[in-house]
Protein backbone atom coordinates (compact mmCIF):
# COMPACT_ATOMS: atom_id res chain seq x y z
CA UNK A 1 17.04 39.23 45.44
CA UNK A 2 16.47 38.45 41.84
CA UNK A 3 15.88 34.91 42.77
CA UNK A 4 13.43 35.66 45.73
CA UNK A 5 11.59 37.87 43.14
CA UNK A 6 11.37 34.86 40.63
CA UNK A 7 10.24 32.66 43.39
CA UNK A 8 7.50 35.11 44.39
CA UNK A 9 6.47 35.25 41.08
CA UNK A 10 6.27 31.51 40.35
CA UNK A 11 4.17 31.43 43.72
CA UNK A 12 1.75 33.94 42.90
CA UNK A 13 1.14 32.22 39.33
CA UNK A 14 1.06 28.94 40.96
CA UNK A 15 -1.92 30.34 43.45
CA UNK A 16 -3.58 31.85 40.39
CA UNK A 17 -3.81 28.56 38.42
CA UNK A 18 -4.58 26.56 41.79
CA UNK A 19 -7.73 28.82 42.77
CA UNK A 20 -8.80 28.49 39.12
CA UNK A 21 -8.98 24.67 39.51
CA UNK A 22 -10.25 24.90 43.02
CA UNK A 23 -13.16 27.21 42.06
CA UNK A 24 -14.02 25.09 39.00
CA UNK A 25 -14.08 21.99 41.11
CA UNK A 26 -16.05 23.45 43.69
CA UNK A 27 -18.68 24.43 41.13
CA UNK A 28 -18.79 20.77 39.65
CA UNK A 29 -18.92 19.20 43.13
CA UNK A 30 -21.77 21.33 44.05
CA UNK A 31 -23.74 20.63 40.75
CA UNK A 32 -23.64 17.04 41.12
CA UNK A 33 -26.87 15.19 41.78
CA UNK A 34 -25.48 11.56 42.76
CA UNK A 35 -27.26 9.52 45.55
CA UNK A 36 -26.39 10.82 48.93
CA UNK A 37 -23.99 8.26 50.31
CA UNK A 38 -21.88 8.44 46.52
CA UNK A 39 -22.07 12.20 46.66
CA UNK A 40 -20.49 12.74 50.06
CA UNK A 41 -17.70 10.14 49.17
CA UNK A 42 -17.09 11.68 45.75
CA UNK A 43 -17.04 15.31 47.27
CA UNK A 44 -14.79 14.09 50.14
CA UNK A 45 -11.94 13.10 47.78
CA UNK A 46 -12.39 15.71 45.28
CA UNK A 47 -12.41 18.67 47.56
CA UNK A 48 -9.83 17.09 50.05
CA UNK A 49 -7.24 19.62 48.70
CA UNK A 50 -3.56 18.89 47.57
CA UNK A 51 -1.48 20.84 45.28
CA UNK A 52 -3.68 20.28 42.43
CA UNK A 53 -0.32 19.84 40.23
CA UNK A 54 -1.41 18.26 37.14
CA UNK A 55 -4.53 20.80 36.16
CA UNK A 56 -2.04 23.28 37.29
CA UNK A 57 0.57 22.22 34.85
CA UNK A 58 -2.36 21.94 32.14
CA UNK A 59 -3.13 25.67 32.76
CA UNK A 60 0.73 26.75 32.58
CA UNK A 61 1.44 25.07 29.63
CA UNK A 62 -1.66 26.28 27.65
CA UNK A 63 -0.53 30.02 28.89
CA UNK A 64 3.17 29.02 27.80
CA UNK A 65 1.93 28.33 24.33
CA UNK A 66 -0.18 31.36 23.98
CA UNK A 67 -3.54 29.87 24.27
CA UNK A 68 -6.35 31.42 26.08
CA UNK A 69 -7.42 29.57 29.35
CA UNK A 70 -11.18 29.60 28.89
CA UNK A 71 -14.44 27.48 30.14
CA UNK A 72 -13.74 24.50 27.97
CA UNK A 73 -9.92 24.52 29.33
CA UNK A 74 -11.48 24.48 32.91
CA UNK A 75 -13.37 21.41 31.97
CA UNK A 76 -10.10 19.43 30.77
CA UNK A 77 -8.17 20.60 33.66
CA UNK A 78 -11.08 19.34 36.04
CA UNK A 79 -11.18 15.93 34.08
CA UNK A 80 -7.45 15.55 34.83
CA UNK A 81 -8.08 16.38 38.46
CA UNK A 82 -10.99 13.70 38.54
CA UNK A 83 -9.04 11.03 37.21
CA UNK A 84 -6.16 11.76 39.46
CA UNK A 85 -8.33 11.77 42.73
CA UNK A 86 -10.12 8.48 41.46
CA UNK A 87 -6.78 6.71 40.94
CA UNK A 88 -5.82 7.81 44.61
CA UNK A 89 -9.34 6.34 46.02
CA UNK A 90 -8.60 3.15 44.41
CA UNK A 91 -4.83 2.88 45.35
CA UNK A 92 -5.51 3.17 48.88
CA UNK A 93 -8.03 0.45 48.72
CA UNK A 94 -7.28 -2.92 50.81
CA UNK A 95 -6.83 -4.80 47.63
CA UNK A 96 -4.06 -2.48 46.40
CA UNK A 97 -2.00 -0.15 48.79
CA UNK A 98 -4.35 -0.67 51.92
CA UNK A 99 -3.70 2.89 53.35
CA UNK A 100 -5.76 4.30 56.14
CA UNK A 101 -4.39 8.15 55.77
CA UNK A 102 -4.38 10.36 52.52
CA UNK A 103 -2.99 14.24 53.12
CA UNK A 104 -3.46 13.71 56.78
CA UNK A 105 -7.04 12.57 56.45
CA UNK A 106 -8.78 9.12 56.58
CA UNK A 107 -8.72 7.52 53.38
CA UNK A 108 -12.20 7.33 51.41
CA UNK A 109 -12.53 3.53 52.21
CA UNK A 110 -12.28 4.11 55.62
CA UNK A 111 -14.93 6.73 56.11
CA UNK A 112 -17.36 5.22 53.75
CA UNK A 113 -16.38 1.54 53.34
CA UNK A 114 -14.85 -0.33 50.51
CA UNK A 115 -17.79 -0.88 48.10
CA UNK A 116 -18.70 2.92 48.49
CA UNK A 117 -14.87 4.03 47.73
CA UNK A 118 -14.68 1.61 44.82
CA UNK A 119 -17.91 3.20 43.18
CA UNK A 120 -16.96 6.74 43.94
CA UNK A 121 -13.77 6.14 42.43
CA UNK A 122 -15.82 4.73 39.23
CA UNK A 123 -18.11 7.99 39.34
CA UNK A 124 -15.11 10.19 39.36
CA UNK A 125 -13.83 8.45 36.21
CA UNK A 126 -17.12 8.81 34.48
CA UNK A 127 -17.60 12.34 35.77
CA UNK A 128 -13.91 12.98 33.83
CA UNK A 129 -15.27 11.79 30.46
CA UNK A 130 -18.53 13.85 31.11
CA UNK A 131 -16.62 17.12 31.50
CA UNK A 132 -14.51 15.95 28.61
CA UNK A 133 -17.44 15.50 26.35
CA UNK A 134 -18.81 18.88 27.34
CA UNK A 135 -15.58 20.56 26.17
CA UNK A 136 -15.60 18.97 22.50
CA UNK A 137 -16.81 22.59 20.88
CA UNK A 138 -13.69 22.57 18.75
CA UNK A 139 -11.97 19.80 17.14
CA UNK A 140 -8.58 20.14 18.46
CA UNK A 141 -10.11 19.54 21.74
CA UNK A 142 -11.09 15.85 20.49
CA UNK A 143 -7.42 15.10 20.32
CA UNK A 144 -6.59 16.50 23.84
CA UNK A 145 -9.55 14.19 25.31
CA UNK A 146 -8.22 11.36 23.63
CA UNK A 147 -4.62 11.78 24.49
CA UNK A 148 -5.67 12.08 28.45
CA UNK A 149 -8.05 8.75 27.80
CA UNK A 150 -5.29 6.85 26.33
CA UNK A 151 -2.54 8.05 29.30
CA UNK A 152 -5.26 7.10 32.04
CA UNK A 153 -6.17 3.72 30.51
CA UNK A 154 -4.82 0.30 30.13
CA UNK A 155 -1.75 1.27 28.15
CA UNK A 156 -1.13 4.12 30.72
CA UNK A 157 -2.01 4.69 34.26
CA UNK A 158 -4.27 1.60 34.89
CA UNK A 159 -1.65 -0.51 32.89
CA UNK A 160 0.77 0.69 35.77
CA UNK A 161 -1.48 -0.09 38.41
CA UNK A 162 -2.19 -3.53 37.20
CA UNK A 163 1.78 -4.29 37.43
CA UNK A 164 2.03 -2.53 40.76
CA UNK A 165 -0.57 -4.93 42.32
CA UNK A 166 1.94 -8.09 42.15
CA UNK A 167 5.15 -5.97 42.70
CA UNK A 168 5.44 -6.70 46.39
CA UNK A 169 4.97 -10.25 46.21
CA UNK A 170 7.34 -10.54 43.02
CA UNK A 171 9.95 -7.42 43.16
CA UNK A 172 11.19 -6.91 39.84
CA UNK A 173 13.49 -3.79 39.28
CA UNK A 174 12.76 -3.81 35.54
CA UNK A 175 9.25 -3.60 36.28
CA UNK A 176 9.22 -1.09 38.32
CA UNK A 177 10.50 1.44 35.67
CA UNK A 178 7.30 0.55 33.77
CA UNK A 179 5.42 1.06 36.74
CA UNK A 180 6.40 4.53 37.19
CA UNK A 181 6.40 5.69 33.64
CA UNK A 182 2.70 4.18 33.47
CA UNK A 183 1.24 4.81 36.85
CA UNK A 184 2.78 8.30 37.57
CA UNK A 185 4.54 9.78 34.60
CA UNK A 186 1.65 9.02 32.03
CA UNK A 187 -0.92 11.14 33.61
CA UNK A 188 1.67 13.98 33.75
CA UNK A 189 2.70 13.54 30.36
CA UNK A 190 -1.22 14.14 29.61
CA UNK A 191 -1.25 17.16 31.38
CA UNK A 192 1.41 18.68 29.11
CA UNK A 193 0.06 16.88 25.69
CA UNK A 194 -3.28 17.83 26.14
CA UNK A 195 -2.42 21.58 26.53
CA UNK A 196 -0.17 21.46 23.44
CA UNK A 197 -2.94 19.57 21.47
CA UNK A 198 -5.54 22.40 22.41
CA UNK A 199 -2.87 24.98 21.42
CA UNK A 200 -2.38 23.27 18.07
CA UNK A 201 1.34 23.76 18.04
CA UNK A 202 4.22 21.78 15.93
CA UNK A 203 4.48 18.24 16.14
CA UNK A 204 7.94 18.79 17.58
CA UNK A 205 6.95 20.91 20.43
CA UNK A 206 4.19 18.29 21.24
CA UNK A 207 6.94 15.59 21.16
CA UNK A 208 9.32 17.50 23.43
CA UNK A 209 6.41 18.31 26.01
CA UNK A 210 5.23 14.86 26.06
CA UNK A 211 9.07 13.96 27.09
CA UNK A 212 9.06 16.22 29.61
CA UNK A 213 5.99 14.99 31.18
CA UNK A 214 7.60 11.64 31.33
CA UNK A 215 10.78 12.89 32.86
CA UNK A 216 8.84 15.02 35.24
CA UNK A 217 6.78 12.03 36.39
CA UNK A 218 9.74 9.76 36.96
CA UNK A 219 11.66 12.50 38.85
CA UNK A 220 8.37 13.15 40.97
CA UNK A 221 7.96 9.55 41.84
CA UNK A 222 11.65 8.89 42.72
CA UNK A 223 11.70 12.06 44.78
CA UNK A 224 8.73 10.73 46.60
CA UNK A 225 10.51 7.43 47.18
CA UNK A 226 13.55 9.37 48.73
CA UNK A 227 11.55 11.76 50.94
CA UNK A 228 9.66 8.40 52.13
CA UNK A 229 13.04 6.55 52.76
CA UNK A 230 14.63 9.88 54.45
CA UNK A 231 11.80 10.65 56.48
CA UNK A 232 12.14 7.50 58.44
CA UNK A 233 11.25 4.37 56.79
CA UNK A 234 14.48 2.34 56.86
CA UNK A 235 15.51 0.31 53.58
CA UNK A 236 15.62 -2.70 55.92
CA UNK A 237 11.78 -2.74 57.09
CA UNK A 238 10.83 -5.64 54.80
CA UNK A 239 7.45 -4.56 55.08
CA UNK A 240 7.96 -1.33 52.80
CA UNK A 241 6.76 -1.09 49.55
CA UNK A 242 9.16 -1.89 46.87
CA UNK A 243 10.41 1.37 45.12
CA UNK A 244 13.18 2.83 43.60
CA UNK A 245 15.46 3.34 46.60
CA UNK A 246 14.55 -0.45 47.78
CA UNK A 247 15.38 -1.77 44.31
CA UNK A 248 18.55 0.17 43.51
CA UNK A 249 19.65 2.16 46.54
CA UNK A 250 19.64 5.92 47.77
CA UNK A 251 22.80 6.70 45.72
CA UNK A 252 21.31 5.29 42.37
CA UNK A 253 18.04 6.95 43.29
CA UNK A 254 19.56 10.47 43.85
CA UNK A 255 21.63 9.92 40.58
CA UNK A 256 18.30 8.98 38.52
CA UNK A 257 16.43 12.08 40.02
CA UNK A 258 19.04 14.19 38.82
CA UNK A 259 19.26 12.66 35.28
CA UNK A 260 15.44 13.06 35.03
CA UNK A 261 15.51 16.70 36.11
CA UNK A 262 18.42 17.47 33.83
CA UNK A 263 16.44 15.97 31.00
CA UNK A 264 13.56 18.42 31.84
CA UNK A 265 16.13 21.27 31.86
CA UNK A 266 17.39 20.34 28.37
CA UNK A 267 14.08 20.36 26.88
CA UNK A 268 13.31 23.69 28.15
CA UNK A 269 16.38 24.83 26.64
CA UNK A 270 15.07 23.75 23.23
CA UNK A 271 11.86 25.58 24.02
CA UNK A 272 13.48 28.70 25.21
CA UNK A 273 13.58 30.52 22.09
CA UNK A 274 10.00 30.50 21.16
CA UNK A 275 8.37 30.69 24.58
CA UNK A 276 8.30 31.71 27.96
CA UNK A 277 9.59 28.85 29.91
CA UNK A 278 9.92 30.62 33.49
CA UNK A 279 7.05 29.13 35.00
CA UNK A 280 8.22 25.53 34.10
CA UNK A 281 11.90 26.25 35.49
CA UNK A 282 10.40 27.44 38.46
CA UNK A 283 8.03 24.31 38.61
CA UNK A 284 11.34 22.33 38.51
CA UNK A 285 12.89 24.22 41.23
CA UNK A 286 10.17 24.01 43.54
CA UNK A 287 9.53 20.30 43.16
CA UNK A 288 13.33 19.07 42.92
CA UNK A 289 15.55 21.69 44.42
């Protein structure tokens, strides 16, 4: 019964955060004054839905660190989701992953064409920075915005994407770790780190939350690989994208997933004395149970 109550409490809080970011994104999307074709493409992907996991993490971390969630925080949360959405549009393009569906719907380039999809992704990336500039009313927001930009750029997410492009033609298990750290884990880490920078907490706490984010992101990607494998994409299928299960086998993938989740739990134990870690514990349970 106690576990059920904890799950319900987590679900309620998750929906509070998710509703907040949905309302923020809706308002932003309504206020855009882009050319018609670009506007339709941007709104299509931005408002497609999804878990909104990265902005939820940002809000939850702010709350855990006892920092108020205000309108400036909404702008940062929205910028993180804009960056994530642009990366999905570009990932789906024929020159990258060549996907025709996303969340059960046609991908952006299928509906609007490759040129429009590429520009919609670029517009979303620029929109993210426009939103971040609007949040810069207090000095510590500058550090948070720089953190997000760095983790999304050539030393972060884009750095992972560039390595990912050539991976299927030249499979390399060593490169795969780098790609997962940069392409997936970096933006998760930025969601935790930016909130901790806004909250002006001790450097040791910032370091721990950054490490938590990277382990969470690694676990998230490996779990995705395992789900894909278990749900009917046999490892013998040579057309399957090179991933952790293909590179290391199912058993190793399970072990590595458990190792990364345990690293997250160990970090939460270090934070437990000073902060309410219930939501982040619940997040681990919900994503990786």
